[in-house]
PDB file of N, CA and C in Angstrom:
ATOM      1  N   MET A   1      16.992 -20.876 -61.685  1.00  0.00           N
ATOM      2  CA  MET A   1      18.310 -20.458 -61.237  1.00  0.00           C
ATOM      3  C   MET A   1      18.396 -20.629 -59.727  1.00  0.00           C
ATOM      4  N   PHE A   2      19.494 -21.111 -59.250  1.00  0.00           N
ATOM      5  CA  PHE A   2      19.727 -21.339 -57.831  1.00  0.00           C
ATOM      6  C   PHE A   2      20.075 -20.027 -57.148  1.00  0.00           C
ATOM      7  N   ASP A   3      19.379 -19.707 -56.065  1.00  0.00           N
ATOM      8  CA  ASP A   3      19.632 -18.479 -55.310  1.00  0.00           C
ATOM      9  C   ASP A   3      20.615 -18.795 -54.192  1.00  0.00           C
ATOM     10  N   LEU A   4      21.887 -18.538 -54.451  1.00  0.00           N
ATOM     11  CA  LEU A   4      22.935 -18.868 -53.496  1.00  0.00           C
ATOM     12  C   LEU A   4      22.767 -18.124 -52.184  1.00  0.00           C
ATOM     13  N   PHE A   5      22.298 -16.898 -52.227  1.00  0.00           N
ATOM     14  CA  PHE A   5      22.165 -16.097 -51.018  1.00  0.00           C
ATOM     15  C   PHE A   5      20.716 -15.973 -50.563  1.00  0.00           C
ATOM     16  N   GLY A   6      19.856 -16.836 -51.023  1.00  0.00           N
ATOM     17  CA  GLY A   6      18.450 -16.804 -50.641  1.00  0.00           C
ATOM     18  C   GLY A   6      18.221 -17.021 -49.165  1.00  0.00           C
ATOM     19  N   PHE A   7      19.122 -17.774 -48.532  1.00  0.00           N
ATOM     20  CA  PHE A   7      18.962 -18.026 -47.101  1.00  0.00           C
ATOM     21  C   PHE A   7      19.161 -16.759 -46.278  1.00  0.00           C
ATOM     22  N   LEU A   8      19.780 -15.731 -46.855  1.00  0.00           N
ATOM     23  CA  LEU A   8      19.978 -14.473 -46.136  1.00  0.00           C
ATOM     24  C   LEU A   8      18.712 -13.632 -46.100  1.00  0.00           C
ATOM     25  N   ASN A   9      17.793 -13.900 -47.001  1.00  0.00           N
ATOM     26  CA  ASN A   9      16.546 -13.157 -47.066  1.00  0.00           C
ATOM     27  C   ASN A   9      15.581 -13.728 -46.034  1.00  0.00           C
ATOM     28  N   THR A  10      15.438 -13.042 -44.902  1.00  0.00           N
ATOM     29  CA  THR A  10      14.592 -13.547 -43.820  1.00  0.00           C
ATOM     30  C   THR A  10      13.173 -12.988 -43.871  1.00  0.00           C
ATOM     31  N   LYS A  11      12.902 -12.098 -44.791  1.00  0.00           N
ATOM     32  CA  LYS A  11      11.566 -11.505 -44.894  1.00  0.00           C
ATOM     33  C   LYS A  11      10.613 -12.511 -45.532  1.00  0.00           C
ATOM     34  N   ALA A  12       9.550 -12.837 -44.808  1.00  0.00           N
ATOM     35  CA  ALA A  12       8.562 -13.795 -45.309  1.00  0.00           C
ATOM     36  C   ALA A  12       7.616 -13.078 -46.280  1.00  0.00           C
ATOM     37  N   SER A  13       7.209 -13.785 -47.300  1.00  0.00           N
ATOM     38  CA  SER A  13       6.264 -13.204 -48.252  1.00  0.00           C
ATOM     39  C   SER A  13       4.880 -13.151 -47.609  1.00  0.00           C
ATOM     40  N   SER A  14       4.037 -12.281 -48.111  1.00  0.00           N
ATOM     41  CA  SER A  14       2.688 -12.163 -47.559  1.00  0.00           C
ATOM     42  C   SER A  14       1.917 -13.471 -47.736  1.00  0.00           C
ATOM     43  N   LYS A  15       2.223 -14.203 -48.801  1.00  0.00           N
ATOM     44  CA  LYS A  15       1.589 -15.510 -49.028  1.00  0.00           C
ATOM     45  C   LYS A  15       1.945 -16.473 -47.900  1.00  0.00           C
ATOM     46  N   ASP A  16       3.227 -16.502 -47.521  1.00  0.00           N
ATOM     47  CA  ASP A  16       3.674 -17.399 -46.451  1.00  0.00           C
ATOM     48  C   ASP A  16       3.074 -17.007 -45.105  1.00  0.00           C
ATOM     49  N   VAL A  17       3.001 -15.721 -44.841  1.00  0.00           N
ATOM     50  CA  VAL A  17       2.409 -15.235 -43.592  1.00  0.00           C
ATOM     51  C   VAL A  17       0.938 -15.627 -43.530  1.00  0.00           C
ATOM     52  N   ALA A  18       0.208 -15.415 -44.617  1.00  0.00           N
ATOM     53  CA  ALA A  18      -1.214 -15.772 -44.667  1.00  0.00           C
ATOM     54  C   ALA A  18      -1.400 -17.274 -44.493  1.00  0.00           C
ATOM     55  N   LYS A  19      -0.525 -18.060 -45.090  1.00  0.00           N
ATOM     56  CA  LYS A  19      -0.598 -19.519 -44.980  1.00  0.00           C
ATOM     57  C   LYS A  19      -0.398 -19.967 -43.527  1.00  0.00           C
ATOM     58  N   GLU A  20       0.573 -19.373 -42.837  1.00  0.00           N
ATOM     59  CA  GLU A  20       0.820 -19.714 -41.429  1.00  0.00           C
ATOM     60  C   GLU A  20      -0.358 -19.298 -40.544  1.00  0.00           C
ATOM     61  N   ARG A  21      -0.931 -18.148 -40.819  1.00  0.00           N
ATOM     62  CA  ARG A  21      -2.104 -17.698 -40.045  1.00  0.00           C
ATOM     63  C   ARG A  21      -3.275 -18.650 -40.232  1.00  0.00           C
ATOM     64  N   LEU A  22      -3.498 -19.079 -41.459  1.00  0.00           N
ATOM     65  CA  LEU A  22      -4.578 -20.021 -41.734  1.00  0.00           C
ATOM     66  C   LEU A  22      -4.346 -21.331 -41.003  1.00  0.00           C
ATOM     67  N   LYS A  23      -3.101 -21.816 -40.988  1.00  0.00           N
ATOM     68  CA  LYS A  23      -2.776 -23.045 -40.265  1.00  0.00           C
ATOM     69  C   LYS A  23      -3.102 -22.902 -38.781  1.00  0.00           C
ATOM     70  N   LEU A  24      -2.745 -21.749 -38.195  1.00  0.00           N
ATOM     71  CA  LEU A  24      -3.029 -21.529 -36.777  1.00  0.00           C
ATOM     72  C   LEU A  24      -4.531 -21.498 -36.506  1.00  0.00           C
ATOM     73  N   VAL A  25      -5.281 -20.863 -37.388  1.00  0.00           N
ATOM     74  CA  VAL A  25      -6.735 -20.819 -37.226  1.00  0.00           C
ATOM     75  C   VAL A  25      -7.314 -22.225 -37.275  1.00  0.00           C
ATOM     76  N   LEU A  26      -6.848 -23.031 -38.224  1.00  0.00           N
ATOM     77  CA  LEU A  26      -7.337 -24.405 -38.341  1.00  0.00           C
ATOM     78  C   LEU A  26      -6.980 -25.237 -37.116  1.00  0.00           C
ATOM     79  N   VAL A  27      -5.777 -25.078 -36.604  1.00  0.00           N
ATOM     80  CA  VAL A  27      -5.379 -25.814 -35.404  1.00  0.00           C
ATOM     81  C   VAL A  27      -6.253 -25.410 -34.230  1.00  0.00           C
ATOM     82  N   HIS A  28      -6.489 -24.119 -34.067  1.00  0.00           N
ATOM     83  CA  HIS A  28      -7.349 -23.657 -32.974  1.00  0.00           C
ATOM     84  C   HIS A  28      -8.758 -24.227 -33.110  1.00  0.00           C
ATOM     85  N   ASP A  29      -9.278 -24.249 -34.323  1.00  0.00           N
ATOM     86  CA  ASP A  29     -10.610 -24.810 -34.544  1.00  0.00           C
ATOM     87  C   ASP A  29     -10.652 -26.301 -34.224  1.00  0.00           C
ATOM     88  N   ARG A  30      -9.641 -27.030 -34.667  1.00  0.00           N
ATOM     89  CA  ARG A  30      -9.625 -28.485 -34.466  1.00  0.00           C
ATOM     90  C   ARG A  30      -9.418 -28.880 -33.017  1.00  0.00           C
ATOM     91  N   THR A  31      -8.766 -28.040 -32.242  1.00  0.00           N
ATOM     92  CA  THR A  31      -8.540 -28.359 -30.827  1.00  0.00           C
ATOM     93  C   THR A  31      -9.623 -27.777 -29.928  1.00  0.00           C
ATOM     94  N   ASN A  32     -10.561 -27.067 -30.525  1.00  0.00           N
ATOM     95  CA  ASN A  32     -11.613 -26.406 -29.756  1.00  0.00           C
ATOM     96  C   ASN A  32     -11.035 -25.467 -28.697  1.00  0.00           C
ATOM     97  N   CYS A  33      -9.928 -24.836 -29.021  1.00  0.00           N
ATOM     98  CA  CYS A  33      -9.289 -23.896 -28.108  1.00  0.00           C
ATOM     99  C   CYS A  33      -9.787 -22.495 -28.432  1.00  0.00           C
ATOM    100  N   THR A  34     -10.598 -21.976 -27.557  1.00  0.00           N
ATOM    101  CA  THR A  34     -11.118 -20.629 -27.752  1.00  0.00           C
ATOM    102  C   THR A  34     -10.044 -19.620 -27.342  1.00  0.00           C
ATOM    103  N   PRO A  35     -10.166 -18.401 -27.809  1.00  0.00           N
ATOM    104  CA  PRO A  35      -9.213 -17.369 -27.368  1.00  0.00           C
ATOM    105  C   PRO A  35      -9.221 -17.194 -25.843  1.00  0.00           C
ATOM    106  N   GLU A  36     -10.378 -17.378 -25.239  1.00  0.00           N
ATOM    107  CA  GLU A  36     -10.471 -17.266 -23.782  1.00  0.00           C
ATOM    108  C   GLU A  36      -9.668 -18.369 -23.086  1.00  0.00           C
ATOM    109  N   LEU A  37      -9.768 -19.596 -23.609  1.00  0.00           N
ATOM    110  CA  LEU A  37      -9.005 -20.704 -23.033  1.00  0.00           C
ATOM    111  C   LEU A  37      -7.515 -20.472 -23.194  1.00  0.00           C
ATOM    112  N   LEU A  38      -7.094 -19.987 -24.353  1.00  0.00           N
ATOM    113  CA  LEU A  38      -5.682 -19.706 -24.570  1.00  0.00           C
ATOM    114  C   LEU A  38      -5.193 -18.633 -23.597  1.00  0.00           C
ATOM    115  N   GLU A  39      -6.003 -17.619 -23.352  1.00  0.00           N
ATOM    116  CA  GLU A  39      -5.633 -16.577 -22.386  1.00  0.00           C
ATOM    117  C   GLU A  39      -5.514 -17.154 -20.977  1.00  0.00           C
ATOM    118  N   LEU A  40      -6.415 -18.073 -20.606  1.00  0.00           N
ATOM    119  CA  LEU A  40      -6.322 -18.720 -19.296  1.00  0.00           C
ATOM    120  C   LEU A  40      -5.036 -19.541 -19.177  1.00  0.00           C
ATOM    121  N   LEU A  41      -4.688 -20.252 -20.238  1.00  0.00           N
ATOM    122  CA  LEU A  41      -3.443 -21.019 -20.244  1.00  0.00           C
ATOM    123  C   LEU A  41      -2.240 -20.100 -20.080  1.00  0.00           C
ATOM    124  N   LYS A  42      -2.223 -18.993 -20.819  1.00  0.00           N
ATOM    125  CA  LYS A  42      -1.121 -18.037 -20.716  1.00  0.00           C
ATOM    126  C   LYS A  42      -0.996 -17.508 -19.294  1.00  0.00           C
ATOM    127  N   THR A  43      -2.132 -17.132 -18.710  1.00  0.00           N
ATOM    128  CA  THR A  43      -2.129 -16.592 -17.353  1.00  0.00           C
ATOM    129  C   THR A  43      -1.590 -17.609 -16.364  1.00  0.00           C
ATOM    130  N   ASP A  44      -2.031 -18.846 -16.469  1.00  0.00           N
ATOM    131  CA  ASP A  44      -1.562 -19.900 -15.562  1.00  0.00           C
ATOM    132  C   ASP A  44      -0.070 -20.170 -15.724  1.00  0.00           C
ATOM    133  N   ILE A  45       0.390 -20.241 -16.964  1.00  0.00           N
ATOM    134  CA  ILE A  45       1.808 -20.494 -17.221  1.00  0.00           C
ATOM    135  C   ILE A  45       2.663 -19.361 -16.653  1.00  0.00           C
ATOM    136  N   LEU A  46       2.275 -18.129 -16.938  1.00  0.00           N
ATOM    137  CA  LEU A  46       3.058 -16.990 -16.467  1.00  0.00           C
ATOM    138  C   LEU A  46       3.025 -16.866 -14.952  1.00  0.00           C
ATOM    139  N   SER A  47       1.895 -17.179 -14.361  1.00  0.00           N
ATOM    140  CA  SER A  47       1.792 -17.161 -12.902  1.00  0.00           C
ATOM    141  C   SER A  47       2.728 -18.194 -12.280  1.00  0.00           C
ATOM    142  N   SER A  48       2.787 -19.360 -12.888  1.00  0.00           N
ATOM    143  CA  SER A  48       3.642 -20.427 -12.368  1.00  0.00           C
ATOM    144  C   SER A  48       5.122 -20.091 -12.479  1.00  0.00           C
ATOM    145  N   ILE A  49       5.550 -19.594 -13.625  1.00  0.00           N
ATOM    146  CA  ILE A  49       6.987 -19.340 -13.793  1.00  0.00           C
ATOM    147  C   ILE A  49       7.439 -18.057 -13.096  1.00  0.00           C
ATOM    148  N   SER A  50       6.506 -17.140 -12.831  1.00  0.00           N
ATOM    149  CA  SER A  50       6.896 -15.871 -12.199  1.00  0.00           C
ATOM    150  C   SER A  50       7.418 -16.078 -10.775  1.00  0.00           C
ATOM    151  N   GLU A  51       7.134 -17.226 -10.183  1.00  0.00           N
ATOM    152  CA  GLU A  51       7.681 -17.536  -8.859  1.00  0.00           C
ATOM    153  C   GLU A  51       9.178 -17.816  -8.938  1.00  0.00           C
ATOM    154  N   HIS A  52       9.668 -18.179 -10.121  1.00  0.00           N
ATOM    155  CA  HIS A  52      11.052 -18.614 -10.278  1.00  0.00           C
ATOM    156  C   HIS A  52      11.906 -17.715 -11.164  1.00  0.00           C
ATOM    157  N   VAL A  53      11.266 -16.968 -12.065  1.00  0.00           N
ATOM    158  CA  VAL A  53      12.020 -16.124 -12.999  1.00  0.00           C
ATOM    159  C   VAL A  53      11.306 -14.791 -13.219  1.00  0.00           C
ATOM    160  N   ASP A  54      12.112 -13.794 -13.617  1.00  0.00           N
ATOM    161  CA  ASP A  54      11.557 -12.549 -14.145  1.00  0.00           C
ATOM    162  C   ASP A  54      11.616 -12.670 -15.659  1.00  0.00           C
ATOM    163  N   TYR A  55      10.521 -12.358 -16.339  1.00  0.00           N
ATOM    164  CA  TYR A  55      10.480 -12.526 -17.787  1.00  0.00           C
ATOM    165  C   TYR A  55      10.109 -11.223 -18.473  1.00  0.00           C
ATOM    166  N   ASP A  56      10.457 -11.146 -19.738  1.00  0.00           N
ATOM    167  CA  ASP A  56      10.222  -9.972 -20.568  1.00  0.00           C
ATOM    168  C   ASP A  56       8.858 -10.097 -21.238  1.00  0.00           C
ATOM    169  N   THR A  57       7.926  -9.240 -20.879  1.00  0.00           N
ATOM    170  CA  THR A  57       6.569  -9.322 -21.437  1.00  0.00           C
ATOM    171  C   THR A  57       6.475  -8.773 -22.860  1.00  0.00           C
ATOM    172  N   SER A  58       7.460  -7.983 -23.284  1.00  0.00           N
ATOM    173  CA  SER A  58       7.362  -7.364 -24.612  1.00  0.00           C
ATOM    174  C   SER A  58       7.588  -8.361 -25.751  1.00  0.00           C
ATOM    175  N   ASN A  59       8.333  -9.441 -25.493  1.00  0.00           N
ATOM    176  CA  ASN A  59       8.604 -10.420 -26.551  1.00  0.00           C
ATOM    177  C   ASN A  59       7.995 -11.782 -26.249  1.00  0.00           C
ATOM    178  N   LEU A  60       6.982 -11.792 -25.468  1.00  0.00           N
ATOM    179  CA  LEU A  60       6.296 -13.012 -25.055  1.00  0.00           C
ATOM    180  C   LEU A  60       5.474 -13.583 -26.212  1.00  0.00           C
ATOM    181  N   ASP A  61       5.550 -14.895 -26.404  1.00  0.00           N
ATOM    182  CA  ASP A  61       4.759 -15.525 -27.461  1.00  0.00           C
ATOM    183  C   ASP A  61       4.328 -16.911 -26.992  1.00  0.00           C
ATOM    184  N   ILE A  62       3.031 -17.069 -26.769  1.00  0.00           N
ATOM    185  CA  ILE A  62       2.462 -18.361 -26.379  1.00  0.00           C
ATOM    186  C   ILE A  62       1.324 -18.650 -27.345  1.00  0.00           C
ATOM    187  N   LYS A  63       1.403 -19.805 -27.997  1.00  0.00           N
ATOM    188  CA  LYS A  63       0.388 -20.124 -29.003  1.00  0.00           C
ATOM    189  C   LYS A  63       0.185 -21.631 -29.095  1.00  0.00           C
ATOM    190  N   ILE A  64      -0.902 -22.001 -29.727  1.00  0.00           N
ATOM    191  CA  ILE A  64      -1.154 -23.403 -30.038  1.00  0.00           C
ATOM    192  C   ILE A  64      -0.898 -23.564 -31.528  1.00  0.00           C
ATOM    193  N   THR A  65      -0.073 -24.535 -31.854  1.00  0.00           N
ATOM    194  CA  THR A  65       0.266 -24.816 -33.247  1.00  0.00           C
ATOM    195  C   THR A  65       0.241 -26.321 -33.435  1.00  0.00           C
ATOM    196  N   ARG A  66       0.870 -26.816 -34.473  1.00  0.00           N
ATOM    197  CA  ARG A  66       0.874 -28.260 -34.671  1.00  0.00           C
ATOM    198  C   ARG A  66       2.307 -28.764 -34.784  1.00  0.00           C
ATOM    199  N   THR A  67       2.490 -30.046 -34.508  1.00  0.00           N
ATOM    200  CA  THR A  67       3.821 -30.624 -34.578  1.00  0.00           C
ATOM    201  C   THR A  67       4.310 -30.649 -36.008  1.00  0.00           C
ATOM    202  N   ARG A  68       5.604 -30.549 -36.160  1.00  0.00           N
ATOM    203  CA  ARG A  68       6.192 -30.604 -37.491  1.00  0.00           C
ATOM    204  C   ARG A  68       6.971 -31.891 -37.689  1.00  0.00           C
ATOM    205  N   ASP A  69       7.192 -32.617 -36.607  1.00  0.00           N
ATOM    206  CA  ASP A  69       8.068 -33.775 -36.681  1.00  0.00           C
ATOM    207  C   ASP A  69       7.371 -35.058 -37.115  1.00  0.00           C
ATOM    208  N   ASP A  70       6.063 -35.039 -37.217  1.00  0.00           N
ATOM    209  CA  ASP A  70       5.375 -36.237 -37.704  1.00  0.00           C
ATOM    210  C   ASP A  70       4.210 -35.835 -38.599  1.00  0.00           C
ATOM    211  N   SER A  71       3.615 -36.791 -39.251  1.00  0.00           N
ATOM    212  CA  SER A  71       2.557 -36.493 -40.213  1.00  0.00           C
ATOM    213  C   SER A  71       1.196 -36.277 -39.564  1.00  0.00           C
ATOM    214  N   SER A  72       1.074 -36.575 -38.254  1.00  0.00           N
ATOM    215  CA  SER A  72      -0.231 -36.432 -37.609  1.00  0.00           C
ATOM    216  C   SER A  72      -0.607 -34.977 -37.381  1.00  0.00           C
ATOM    217  N   GLY A  73       0.385 -34.096 -37.259  1.00  0.00           N
ATOM    218  CA  GLY A  73       0.093 -32.686 -37.050  1.00  0.00           C
ATOM    219  C   GLY A  73      -0.647 -32.433 -35.754  1.00  0.00           C
ATOM    220  N   ARG A  74      -0.279 -33.171 -34.716  1.00  0.00           N
ATOM    221  CA  ARG A  74      -0.946 -33.005 -33.423  1.00  0.00           C
ATOM    222  C   ARG A  74      -0.757 -31.597 -32.883  1.00  0.00           C
ATOM    223  N   PRO A  75      -1.768 -31.074 -32.175  1.00  0.00           N
ATOM    224  CA  PRO A  75      -1.624 -29.738 -31.596  1.00  0.00           C
ATOM    225  C   PRO A  75      -0.617 -29.741 -30.451  1.00  0.00           C
ATOM    226  N   VAL A  76       0.151 -28.651 -30.372  1.00  0.00           N
ATOM    227  CA  VAL A  76       1.112 -28.460 -29.299  1.00  0.00           C
ATOM    228  C   VAL A  76       1.020 -27.024 -28.804  1.00  0.00           C
ATOM    229  N   LEU A  77       1.290 -26.853 -27.522  1.00  0.00           N
ATOM    230  CA  LEU A  77       1.349 -25.522 -26.942  1.00  0.00           C
ATOM    231  C   LEU A  77       2.813 -25.098 -26.962  1.00  0.00           C
ATOM    232  N   VAL A  78       3.097 -23.977 -27.612  1.00  0.00           N
ATOM    233  CA  VAL A  78       4.466 -23.486 -27.752  1.00  0.00           C
ATOM    234  C   VAL A  78       4.570 -22.168 -27.001  1.00  0.00           C
ATOM    235  N   ALA A  79       5.559 -22.093 -26.108  1.00  0.00           N
ATOM    236  CA  ALA A  79       5.761 -20.869 -25.339  1.00  0.00           C
ATOM    237  C   ALA A  79       7.185 -20.383 -25.525  1.00  0.00           C
ATOM    238  N   SER A  80       7.309 -19.152 -25.954  1.00  0.00           N
ATOM    239  CA  SER A  80       8.599 -18.486 -26.044  1.00  0.00           C
ATOM    240  C   SER A  80       8.540 -17.333 -25.054  1.00  0.00           C
ATOM    241  N   ILE A  81       9.234 -17.509 -23.929  1.00  0.00           N
ATOM    242  CA  ILE A  81       9.172 -16.534 -22.838  1.00  0.00           C
ATOM    243  C   ILE A  81      10.599 -16.091 -22.518  1.00  0.00           C
ATOM    244  N   PRO A  82      10.984 -14.903 -22.964  1.00  0.00           N
ATOM    245  CA  PRO A  82      12.332 -14.424 -22.685  1.00  0.00           C
ATOM    246  C   PRO A  82      12.537 -14.196 -21.181  1.00  0.00           C
ATOM    247  N   ILE A  83      13.571 -14.812 -20.641  1.00  0.00           N
ATOM    248  CA  ILE A  83      13.852 -14.717 -19.210  1.00  0.00           C
ATOM    249  C   ILE A  83      14.876 -13.606 -18.964  1.00  0.00           C
ATOM    250  N   LYS A  84      14.514 -12.677 -18.077  1.00  0.00           N
ATOM    251  CA  LYS A  84      15.432 -11.602 -17.713  1.00  0.00           C
ATOM    252  C   LYS A  84      16.467 -12.096 -16.711  1.00  0.00           C
ATOM    253  N   ASN A  85      15.977 -12.751 -15.655  1.00  0.00           N
ATOM    254  CA  ASN A  85      16.887 -13.333 -14.676  1.00  0.00           C
ATOM    255  C   ASN A  85      16.157 -14.366 -13.820  1.00  0.00           C
ATOM    256  N   MET A  86      16.950 -15.208 -13.192  1.00  0.00           N
ATOM    257  CA  MET A  86      16.409 -16.263 -12.331  1.00  0.00           C
ATOM    258  C   MET A  86      16.277 -15.709 -10.901  1.00  0.00           C
ATOM    259  N   LYS A  87      15.215 -16.096 -10.222  1.00  0.00           N
ATOM    260  CA  LYS A  87      15.034 -15.702  -8.818  1.00  0.00           C
ATOM    261  C   LYS A  87      15.667 -16.764  -7.939  1.00  0.00           C
ATOM    262  N   ARG A  88      16.150 -16.371  -6.814  1.00  0.00           N
ATOM    263  CA  ARG A  88      16.771 -17.339  -5.887  1.00  0.00           C
ATOM    264  C   ARG A  88      15.869 -17.599  -4.727  1.00  0.00           C
TER     265      ARG A  88
END
């Protein structure tokens, strides 16, 4: 049966969450990115942008994942940094 309103259900199943976590672990393993290296990258990125913007640390998300636009699944660094305001 077709779920006409299925797109309104934004809650991910535990299976989907576990699958995404496993993908992230595999990407981290394949790129040899240790948690320490990821923390260094985060620190450098935040240090660089803090000269130009004020950002919200509560919703900060920086991670290494893989591309979705091609079949190679190359690792990419994804940063979601909510900006409070621009500095002049």
